Amino acid sequence: MGAAAQTGDATLHALELWNSTPSRSLAESAATGHLVNGDIRLVPGFAADVDRYAAKTAGSSVLLRAKAAPLSKATATMVGTDGARYGRSSSFNLNTDDGHFYGVTLSGLRRGNNAIEVMVNADGGNRKRYRLNVERFGSVAATLRSLEVQGGDGEVSIVPNFDPATLDYIGMMSGSEVRLETGSDPEVEVEVAGQNASRKELSERSNLLDVILGGMGNAKPTTLDGLVPGRNVVTITVSTGDFRVTVYTLHLLVEE
């Protein structure tokens, strides 16, 4: 005896993408039976029988909201070129007589094209897959957003005050150790190195706190030691995936 035929409505009844918070909550949408249009344009415009869409955004995350048949289940995920799922998400589901309403925030969009897959599972077993290609446009700046310097006696004032367009700084401090915290776009690489006044390489070290802070996105703490009295030079190299490089130079004058 053959397997029972799969049944049920596995189509989406509505689909929208948002950069910002929608003007109406998902619960309010469910109460009225429909979603309002998102602020990210879908191409082509949504239709239940169309399963592929394109969209553009400058942001690193999008809010996806969908409506399907009652008792169905909708899931959304980001898909890498290797088929792996990635990107942190949080979701909200609401099943009513008007349908199944679903909302999810998908973060970690990369520059260029990103694939988002929406799978609808009907209560009778039918399944339907929708695919969105979301292009994140705009370039990454090869610059720091912030720079903080701490020495043995606390915060070190640098001259001039930090500005992303200014590449050279001077700071007065004491002690043999300096801690830097750089802020940048999460997608750029930041490397820190230096030489002391005796032209010896400064050693870089990290502790557990540094590792934790370094995983928080665009804040990167670095501790260098081996500074000696005189002029110690620290270079901070910021680079992007398209080979743009900016080098900041910090001259630390250590007192005798």
C-alpha atoms as a PDB file:
ATOM      1  CA  MET A   1       0.000   0.000   0.000  1.00  0.00           C
ATOM      2  CA  GLY A   2       1.485   3.367  -1.050  1.00  0.00           C
ATOM      3  CA  ALA A   3       2.144   6.226   1.285  1.00  0.00           C
ATOM      4  CA  ALA A   4      -0.671   8.681   1.885  1.00  0.00           C
ATOM      5  CA  ALA A   5      -0.631  11.675  -0.447  1.00  0.00           C
ATOM      6  CA  GLN A   6       0.664  14.864   1.129  1.00  0.00           C
ATOM      7  CA  THR A   7      -1.939  17.581   1.355  1.00  0.00           C
ATOM      8  CA  GLY A   8      -2.445  21.056   2.719  1.00  0.00           C
ATOM      9  CA  ASP A   9      -1.730  24.633   1.648  1.00  0.00           C
ATOM     10  CA  ALA A  10       2.055  25.156   1.689  1.00  0.00           C
ATOM     11  CA  THR A  11       2.067  28.530  -0.060  1.00  0.00           C
ATOM     12  CA  LEU A  12       2.901  31.844   1.534  1.00  0.00           C
ATOM     13  CA  HIS A  13      -0.031  34.233   1.680  1.00  0.00           C
ATOM     14  CA  ALA A  14       2.173  37.275   2.320  1.00  0.00           C
ATOM     15  CA  LEU A  15       5.870  38.089   2.556  1.00  0.00           C
ATOM     16  CA  GLU A  16       7.638  41.307   3.527  1.00  0.00           C
ATOM     17  CA  LEU A  17      11.113  42.550   4.418  1.00  0.00           C
ATOM     18  CA  TRP A  18      11.923  45.448   6.731  1.00  0.00           C
ATOM     19  CA  ASN A  19      15.009  47.537   7.522  1.00  0.00           C
ATOM     20  CA  SER A  20      13.222  49.164  10.426  1.00  0.00           C
ATOM     21  CA  THR A  21      10.577  48.229  12.967  1.00  0.00           C
ATOM     22  CA  PRO A  22       7.197  47.796  11.231  1.00  0.00           C
ATOM     23  CA  SER A  23       4.473  50.283  11.952  1.00  0.00           C
ATOM     24  CA  ARG A  24       2.268  47.486  13.251  1.00  0.00           C
ATOM     25  CA  SER A  25       3.228  44.535  15.431  1.00  0.00           C
ATOM     26  CA  LEU A  26       2.875  40.964  14.276  1.00  0.00           C
ATOM     27  CA  ALA A  27       0.034  40.445  16.758  1.00  0.00           C
ATOM     28  CA  GLU A  28      -1.825  43.451  15.361  1.00  0.00           C
ATOM     29  CA  SER A  29      -1.236  42.150  11.846  1.00  0.00           C
ATOM     30  CA  ALA A  30      -2.723  38.796  12.828  1.00  0.00           C
ATOM     31  CA  ALA A  31      -5.735  40.517  14.351  1.00  0.00           C
ATOM     32  CA  THR A  32      -6.482  42.290  11.065  1.00  0.00           C
ATOM     33  CA  GLY A  33      -5.647  39.203   8.980  1.00  0.00           C
ATOM     34  CA  HIS A  34      -2.928  40.730   6.802  1.00  0.00           C
ATOM     35  CA  LEU A  35       0.560  42.271   6.846  1.00  0.00           C
ATOM     36  CA  VAL A  36       1.463  45.810   5.829  1.00  0.00           C
ATOM     37  CA  ASN A  37       4.034  46.296   3.083  1.00  0.00           C
ATOM     38  CA  GLY A  38       7.683  46.200   4.171  1.00  0.00           C
ATOM     39  CA  ASP A  39      10.120  49.073   3.602  1.00  0.00           C
ATOM     40  CA  ILE A  40      12.416  46.839   1.470  1.00  0.00           C
ATOM     41  CA  ARG A  41      11.098  46.335  -2.052  1.00  0.00           C
ATOM     42  CA  LEU A  42      10.714  42.786  -3.346  1.00  0.00           C
ATOM     43  CA  VAL A  43      11.332  42.157  -7.055  1.00  0.00           C
ATOM     44  CA  PRO A  44       8.995  40.951  -8.403  1.00  0.00           C
ATOM     45  CA  GLY A  45       6.218  41.997  -6.059  1.00  0.00           C
ATOM     46  CA  PHE A  46       4.950  39.196  -3.861  1.00  0.00           C
ATOM     47  CA  ALA A  47       2.657  36.569  -5.361  1.00  0.00           C
ATOM     48  CA  ALA A  48       1.913  33.154  -3.853  1.00  0.00           C
ATOM     49  CA  ASP A  49       2.956  31.292  -7.023  1.00  0.00           C
ATOM     50  CA  VAL A  50       6.316  33.092  -7.297  1.00  0.00           C
ATOM     51  CA  ASP A  51       9.048  31.370  -5.300  1.00  0.00           C
ATOM     52  CA  ARG A  52      12.119  33.541  -6.074  1.00  0.00           C
ATOM     53  CA  TYR A  53      12.667  37.195  -5.188  1.00  0.00           C
ATOM     54  CA  ALA A  54      15.416  39.816  -5.118  1.00  0.00           C
ATOM     55  CA  ALA A  55      15.865  42.722  -2.711  1.00  0.00           C
ATOM     56  CA  LYS A  56      18.498  45.300  -1.741  1.00  0.00           C
ATOM     57  CA  THR A  57      19.506  46.776   1.608  1.00  0.00           C
ATOM     58  CA  ALA A  58      22.421  48.701   3.076  1.00  0.00           C
ATOM     59  CA  GLY A  59      22.017  47.110   6.500  1.00  0.00           C
ATOM     60  CA  SER A  60      23.594  44.028   8.046  1.00  0.00           C
ATOM     61  CA  SER A  61      20.235  42.601   9.174  1.00  0.00           C
ATOM     62  CA  VAL A  62      16.660  42.388   7.923  1.00  0.00           C
ATOM     63  CA  LEU A  63      13.325  41.619   9.528  1.00  0.00           C
ATOM     64  CA  LEU A  64      11.359  39.047   7.544  1.00  0.00           C
ATOM     65  CA  ARG A  65       7.642  38.642   8.155  1.00  0.00           C
ATOM     66  CA  ALA A  66       5.357  36.142   6.472  1.00  0.00           C
ATOM     67  CA  LYS A  67       1.824  34.772   6.524  1.00  0.00           C
ATOM     68  CA  ALA A  68       0.835  31.218   5.613  1.00  0.00           C
ATOM     69  CA  ALA A  69      -2.215  28.994   5.987  1.00  0.00           C
ATOM     70  CA  PRO A  70      -3.523  28.222   9.494  1.00  0.00           C
ATOM     71  CA  LEU A  71      -1.714  25.351  11.244  1.00  0.00           C
ATOM     72  CA  SER A  72       1.178  25.484   8.806  1.00  0.00           C
ATOM     73  CA  LYS A  73       4.733  26.151   9.908  1.00  0.00           C
ATOM     74  CA  ALA A  74       7.107  28.670   8.319  1.00  0.00           C
ATOM     75  CA  THR A  75      10.848  28.813   8.923  1.00  0.00           C
ATOM     76  CA  ALA A  76      13.494  31.167   7.514  1.00  0.00           C
ATOM     77  CA  THR A  77      17.264  30.856   7.417  1.00  0.00           C
ATOM     78  CA  MET A  78      20.274  32.381   5.682  1.00  0.00           C
ATOM     79  CA  VAL A  79      22.152  30.034   3.344  1.00  0.00           C
ATOM     80  CA  GLY A  80      25.827  30.319   2.422  1.00  0.00           C
ATOM     81  CA  THR A  81      27.271  29.494  -0.993  1.00  0.00           C
ATOM     82  CA  ASP A  82      28.354  26.133   0.437  1.00  0.00           C
ATOM     83  CA  GLY A  83      24.807  25.388   1.575  1.00  0.00           C
ATOM     84  CA  ALA A  84      25.609  25.996   5.245  1.00  0.00           C
ATOM     85  CA  ARG A  85      23.124  27.901   7.381  1.00  0.00           C
ATOM     86  CA  TYR A  86      24.449  30.938   9.224  1.00  0.00           C
ATOM     87  CA  GLY A  87      23.376  34.216  10.844  1.00  0.00           C
ATOM     88  CA  ARG A  88      21.860  34.712  14.256  1.00  0.00           C
ATOM     89  CA  SER A  89      18.068  34.951  14.317  1.00  0.00           C
ATOM     90  CA  SER A  90      15.179  35.392  16.691  1.00  0.00           C
ATOM     91  CA  SER A  91      11.648  34.461  15.709  1.00  0.00           C
ATOM     92  CA  PHE A  92       8.035  34.998  16.694  1.00  0.00           C
ATOM     93  CA  ASN A  93       5.157  32.776  15.609  1.00  0.00           C
ATOM     94  CA  LEU A  94       1.430  33.369  15.925  1.00  0.00           C
ATOM     95  CA  ASN A  95      -1.175  30.906  14.637  1.00  0.00           C
ATOM     96  CA  THR A  96      -4.728  32.235  14.309  1.00  0.00           C
ATOM     97  CA  ASP A  97      -7.882  31.517  12.354  1.00  0.00           C
ATOM     98  CA  ASP A  98      -6.615  34.081   9.832  1.00  0.00           C
ATOM     99  CA  GLY A  99      -3.411  32.147   9.229  1.00  0.00           C
ATOM    100  CA  HIS A 100       0.051  31.483  10.515  1.00  0.00           C
ATOM    101  CA  PHE A 101       2.024  34.708  11.065  1.00  0.00           C
ATOM    102  CA  TYR A 102       5.771  34.490  11.301  1.00  0.00           C
ATOM    103  CA  GLY A 103       8.512  37.046  12.014  1.00  0.00           C
ATOM    104  CA  VAL A 104      12.274  36.596  12.183  1.00  0.00           C
ATOM    105  CA  THR A 105      15.283  38.915  12.381  1.00  0.00           C
ATOM    106  CA  LEU A 106      18.164  37.661  10.240  1.00  0.00           C
ATOM    107  CA  SER A 107      21.546  39.231  11.019  1.00  0.00           C
ATOM    108  CA  GLY A 108      25.029  38.834   9.615  1.00  0.00           C
ATOM    109  CA  LEU A 109      24.263  39.848   6.018  1.00  0.00           C
ATOM    110  CA  ARG A 110      27.526  40.038   4.095  1.00  0.00           C
ATOM    111  CA  ARG A 111      28.457  42.634   1.511  1.00  0.00           C
ATOM    112  CA  GLY A 112      27.152  41.470  -1.855  1.00  0.00           C
ATOM    113  CA  ASN A 113      24.555  38.748  -2.321  1.00  0.00           C
ATOM    114  CA  ASN A 114      22.940  36.811   0.525  1.00  0.00           C
ATOM    115  CA  ALA A 115      20.513  33.915   0.119  1.00  0.00           C
ATOM    116  CA  ILE A 116      17.515  33.579   2.442  1.00  0.00           C
ATOM    117  CA  GLU A 117      15.344  30.486   2.306  1.00  0.00           C
ATOM    118  CA  VAL A 118      11.764  30.354   3.583  1.00  0.00           C
ATOM    119  CA  MET A 119      10.259  26.884   3.992  1.00  0.00           C
ATOM    120  CA  VAL A 120       6.534  26.374   4.513  1.00  0.00           C
ATOM    121  CA  ASN A 121       5.311  23.040   5.892  1.00  0.00           C
ATOM    122  CA  ALA A 122       1.556  22.491   5.605  1.00  0.00           C
ATOM    123  CA  ASP A 123      -0.341  20.560   8.275  1.00  0.00           C
ATOM    124  CA  GLY A 124      -1.045  17.823   5.699  1.00  0.00           C
ATOM    125  CA  GLY A 125       2.614  17.324   4.814  1.00  0.00           C
ATOM    126  CA  ASN A 126       2.969  19.482   1.718  1.00  0.00           C
ATOM    127  CA  ARG A 127       6.123  21.634   1.565  1.00  0.00           C
ATOM    128  CA  LYS A 128       7.083  24.677  -0.477  1.00  0.00           C
ATOM    129  CA  ARG A 129      10.394  26.546  -0.560  1.00  0.00           C
ATOM    130  CA  TYR A 130      10.813  30.255  -1.310  1.00  0.00           C
ATOM    131  CA  ARG A 131      14.192  31.820  -2.063  1.00  0.00           C
ATOM    132  CA  LEU A 132      15.244  35.448  -1.632  1.00  0.00           C
ATOM    133  CA  ASN A 133      18.476  36.948  -2.909  1.00  0.00           C
ATOM    134  CA  VAL A 134      19.225  39.980  -0.713  1.00  0.00           C
ATOM    135  CA  GLU A 135      22.033  42.219  -1.919  1.00  0.00           C
ATOM    136  CA  ARG A 136      23.780  44.224   0.754  1.00  0.00           C
ATOM    137  CA  PHE A 137      25.228  47.228  -1.053  1.00  0.00           C
ATOM    138  CA  GLY A 138      27.738  49.858  -0.006  1.00  0.00           C
ATOM    139  CA  SER A 139      31.444  49.609   0.655  1.00  0.00           C
ATOM    140  CA  VAL A 140      33.297  49.062   3.924  1.00  0.00           C
ATOM    141  CA  ALA A 141      35.533  51.925   5.024  1.00  0.00           C
ATOM    142  CA  ALA A 142      39.141  50.983   5.795  1.00  0.00           C
ATOM    143  CA  THR A 143      39.157  53.271   8.819  1.00  0.00           C
ATOM    144  CA  LEU A 144      38.858  53.129  12.586  1.00  0.00           C
ATOM    145  CA  ARG A 145      35.732  54.434  14.243  1.00  0.00           C
ATOM    146  CA  SER A 146      37.384  54.939  17.605  1.00  0.00           C
ATOM    147  CA  LEU A 147      40.692  54.568  19.417  1.00  0.00           C
ATOM    148  CA  GLU A 148      41.221  54.443  23.186  1.00  0.00           C
ATOM    149  CA  VAL A 149      44.649  54.208  24.827  1.00  0.00           C
ATOM    150  CA  GLN A 150      45.430  53.188  28.414  1.00  0.00           C
ATOM    151  CA  GLY A 151      48.809  53.043  30.130  1.00  0.00           C
ATOM    152  CA  GLY A 152      49.953  52.057  33.579  1.00  0.00           C
ATOM    153  CA  ASP A 153      48.456  55.207  35.099  1.00  0.00           C
ATOM    154  CA  GLY A 154      45.128  54.996  33.303  1.00  0.00           C
ATOM    155  CA  GLU A 155      43.815  56.657  30.169  1.00  0.00           C
ATOM    156  CA  VAL A 156      46.373  58.254  27.870  1.00  0.00           C
ATOM    157  CA  SER A 157      45.422  61.490  26.096  1.00  0.00           C
ATOM    158  CA  ILE A 158      46.483  61.499  22.467  1.00  0.00           C
ATOM    159  CA  VAL A 159      47.172  64.591  20.381  1.00  0.00           C
ATOM    160  CA  PRO A 160      45.300  65.455  18.279  1.00  0.00           C
ATOM    161  CA  ASN A 161      41.975  64.055  19.463  1.00  0.00           C
ATOM    162  CA  PHE A 162      41.051  60.950  17.526  1.00  0.00           C
ATOM    163  CA  ASP A 163      39.524  61.499  14.107  1.00  0.00           C
ATOM    164  CA  PRO A 164      39.170  58.671  11.539  1.00  0.00           C
ATOM    165  CA  ALA A 165      40.814  60.860   8.903  1.00  0.00           C
ATOM    166  CA  THR A 166      43.860  61.681  11.075  1.00  0.00           C
ATOM    167  CA  LEU A 167      46.594  59.059  10.808  1.00  0.00           C
ATOM    168  CA  ASP A 168      49.318  60.227  13.250  1.00  0.00           C
ATOM    169  CA  TYR A 169      49.057  60.702  17.033  1.00  0.00           C
ATOM    170  CA  ILE A 170      51.305  61.422  20.010  1.00  0.00           C
ATOM    171  CA  GLY A 171      50.676  60.354  23.601  1.00  0.00           C
ATOM    172  CA  MET A 172      52.604  60.788  26.866  1.00  0.00           C
ATOM    173  CA  MET A 173      52.599  57.889  29.326  1.00  0.00           C
ATOM    174  CA  SER A 174      54.558  55.905  31.875  1.00  0.00           C
ATOM    175  CA  GLY A 175      55.131  52.189  32.342  1.00  0.00           C
ATOM    176  CA  SER A 176      56.079  49.381  29.990  1.00  0.00           C
ATOM    177  CA  GLU A 177      52.586  48.304  28.932  1.00  0.00           C
ATOM    178  CA  VAL A 178      49.852  49.901  26.834  1.00  0.00           C
ATOM    179  CA  ARG A 179      46.321  48.715  26.152  1.00  0.00           C
ATOM    180  CA  LEU A 180      44.531  49.834  23.000  1.00  0.00           C
ATOM    181  CA  GLU A 181      40.878  49.413  22.156  1.00  0.00           C
ATOM    182  CA  THR A 182      39.988  50.017  18.517  1.00  0.00           C
ATOM    183  CA  GLY A 183      36.508  50.328  17.081  1.00  0.00           C
ATOM    184  CA  SER A 184      35.837  49.570  13.418  1.00  0.00           C
ATOM    185  CA  ASP A 185      33.378  48.054  10.984  1.00  0.00           C
ATOM    186  CA  PRO A 186      33.091  44.358  11.978  1.00  0.00           C
ATOM    187  CA  GLU A 187      34.033  43.322   8.444  1.00  0.00           C
ATOM    188  CA  VAL A 188      37.492  44.905   8.380  1.00  0.00           C
ATOM    189  CA  GLU A 189      40.725  43.434   9.702  1.00  0.00           C
ATOM    190  CA  VAL A 190      42.652  45.350  12.367  1.00  0.00           C
ATOM    191  CA  GLU A 191      46.268  44.456  13.150  1.00  0.00           C
ATOM    192  CA  VAL A 192      48.348  46.092  15.863  1.00  0.00           C
ATOM    193  CA  ALA A 193      52.152  45.993  16.109  1.00  0.00           C
ATOM    194  CA  GLY A 194      54.928  48.185  17.439  1.00  0.00           C
ATOM    195  CA  GLN A 195      58.563  48.872  18.236  1.00  0.00           C
ATOM    196  CA  ASN A 196      59.967  50.351  21.409  1.00  0.00           C
ATOM    197  CA  ALA A 197      62.510  53.134  21.645  1.00  0.00           C
ATOM    198  CA  SER A 198      65.291  50.526  21.384  1.00  0.00           C
ATOM    199  CA  ARG A 199      63.797  49.285  18.052  1.00  0.00           C
ATOM    200  CA  LYS A 200      62.704  45.990  19.567  1.00  0.00           C
ATOM    201  CA  GLU A 201      59.326  44.537  18.669  1.00  0.00           C
ATOM    202  CA  LEU A 202      56.619  45.046  21.259  1.00  0.00           C
ATOM    203  CA  SER A 203      55.002  41.805  22.361  1.00  0.00           C
ATOM    204  CA  GLU A 204      51.261  41.352  22.058  1.00  0.00           C
ATOM    205  CA  ARG A 205      49.317  39.428  24.631  1.00  0.00           C
ATOM    206  CA  SER A 206      45.695  38.853  25.520  1.00  0.00           C
ATOM    207  CA  ASN A 207      43.750  37.601  28.504  1.00  0.00           C
ATOM    208  CA  LEU A 208      40.312  36.035  28.786  1.00  0.00           C
ATOM    209  CA  LEU A 209      38.617  39.416  29.079  1.00  0.00           C
ATOM    210  CA  ASP A 210      40.322  40.585  25.886  1.00  0.00           C
ATOM    211  CA  VAL A 211      39.124  37.488  24.052  1.00  0.00           C
ATOM    212  CA  ILE A 212      35.534  38.041  25.225  1.00  0.00           C
ATOM    213  CA  LEU A 213      35.556  41.717  24.301  1.00  0.00           C
ATOM    214  CA  GLY A 214      37.170  40.949  20.966  1.00  0.00           C
ATOM    215  CA  GLY A 215      34.224  38.727  20.086  1.00  0.00           C
ATOM    216  CA  MET A 216      31.668  41.482  20.634  1.00  0.00           C
ATOM    217  CA  GLY A 217      31.740  42.778  17.074  1.00  0.00           C
ATOM    218  CA  ASN A 218      33.661  45.919  16.282  1.00  0.00           C
ATOM    219  CA  ALA A 219      35.576  46.400  19.586  1.00  0.00           C
ATOM    220  CA  LYS A 220      39.071  44.942  19.584  1.00  0.00           C
ATOM    221  CA  PRO A 221      41.291  45.259  22.669  1.00  0.00           C
ATOM    222  CA  THR A 222      45.033  44.712  22.314  1.00  0.00           C
ATOM    223  CA  THR A 223      47.710  44.803  25.028  1.00  0.00           C
ATOM    224  CA  LEU A 224      51.343  45.476  24.085  1.00  0.00           C
ATOM    225  CA  ASP A 225      54.268  45.360  26.468  1.00  0.00           C
ATOM    226  CA  GLY A 226      57.973  45.972  26.240  1.00  0.00           C
ATOM    227  CA  LEU A 227      57.775  49.756  26.075  1.00  0.00           C
ATOM    228  CA  VAL A 228      60.884  51.594  27.310  1.00  0.00           C
ATOM    229  CA  PRO A 229      61.613  55.275  28.036  1.00  0.00           C
ATOM    230  CA  GLY A 230      61.708  57.340  24.850  1.00  0.00           C
ATOM    231  CA  ARG A 231      59.577  57.183  21.692  1.00  0.00           C
ATOM    232  CA  ASN A 232      57.720  53.922  21.144  1.00  0.00           C
ATOM    233  CA  VAL A 233      55.861  53.509  17.853  1.00  0.00           C
ATOM    234  CA  VAL A 234      52.623  51.539  17.479  1.00  0.00           C
ATOM    235  CA  THR A 235      51.042  50.966  14.073  1.00  0.00           C
ATOM    236  CA  ILE A 236      47.394  50.044  13.593  1.00  0.00           C
ATOM    237  CA  THR A 237      46.665  48.612  10.137  1.00  0.00           C
ATOM    238  CA  VAL A 238      43.072  48.539   8.923  1.00  0.00           C
ATOM    239  CA  SER A 239      42.345  46.511   5.781  1.00  0.00           C
ATOM    240  CA  THR A 240      39.287  45.432   3.810  1.00  0.00           C
ATOM    241  CA  GLY A 241      38.513  42.440   1.659  1.00  0.00           C
ATOM    242  CA  ASP A 242      38.958  44.545  -1.488  1.00  0.00           C
ATOM    243  CA  PHE A 243      42.572  45.355  -0.566  1.00  0.00           C
ATOM    244  CA  ARG A 244      42.120  48.889   0.757  1.00  0.00           C
ATOM    245  CA  VAL A 245      44.508  49.631   3.620  1.00  0.00           C
ATOM    246  CA  THR A 246      44.846  52.486   6.110  1.00  0.00           C
ATOM    247  CA  VAL A 247      47.694  52.688   8.644  1.00  0.00           C
ATOM    248  CA  TYR A 248      47.429  54.724  11.845  1.00  0.00           C
ATOM    249  CA  THR A 249      50.641  55.546  13.726  1.00  0.00           C
ATOM    250  CA  LEU A 250      50.713  56.181  17.460  1.00  0.00           C
ATOM    251  CA  HIS A 251      53.902  57.700  18.960  1.00  0.00           C
ATOM    252  CA  LEU A 252      53.991  56.880  22.676  1.00  0.00           C
ATOM    253  CA  LEU A 253      56.511  58.953  24.621  1.00  0.00           C
ATOM    254  CA  VAL A 254      57.396  57.072  27.801  1.00  0.00           C
ATOM    255  CA  GLU A 255      58.857  59.112  30.625  1.00  0.00           C
ATOM    256  CA  GLU A 256      62.075  58.114  32.367  1.00  0.00           C
END
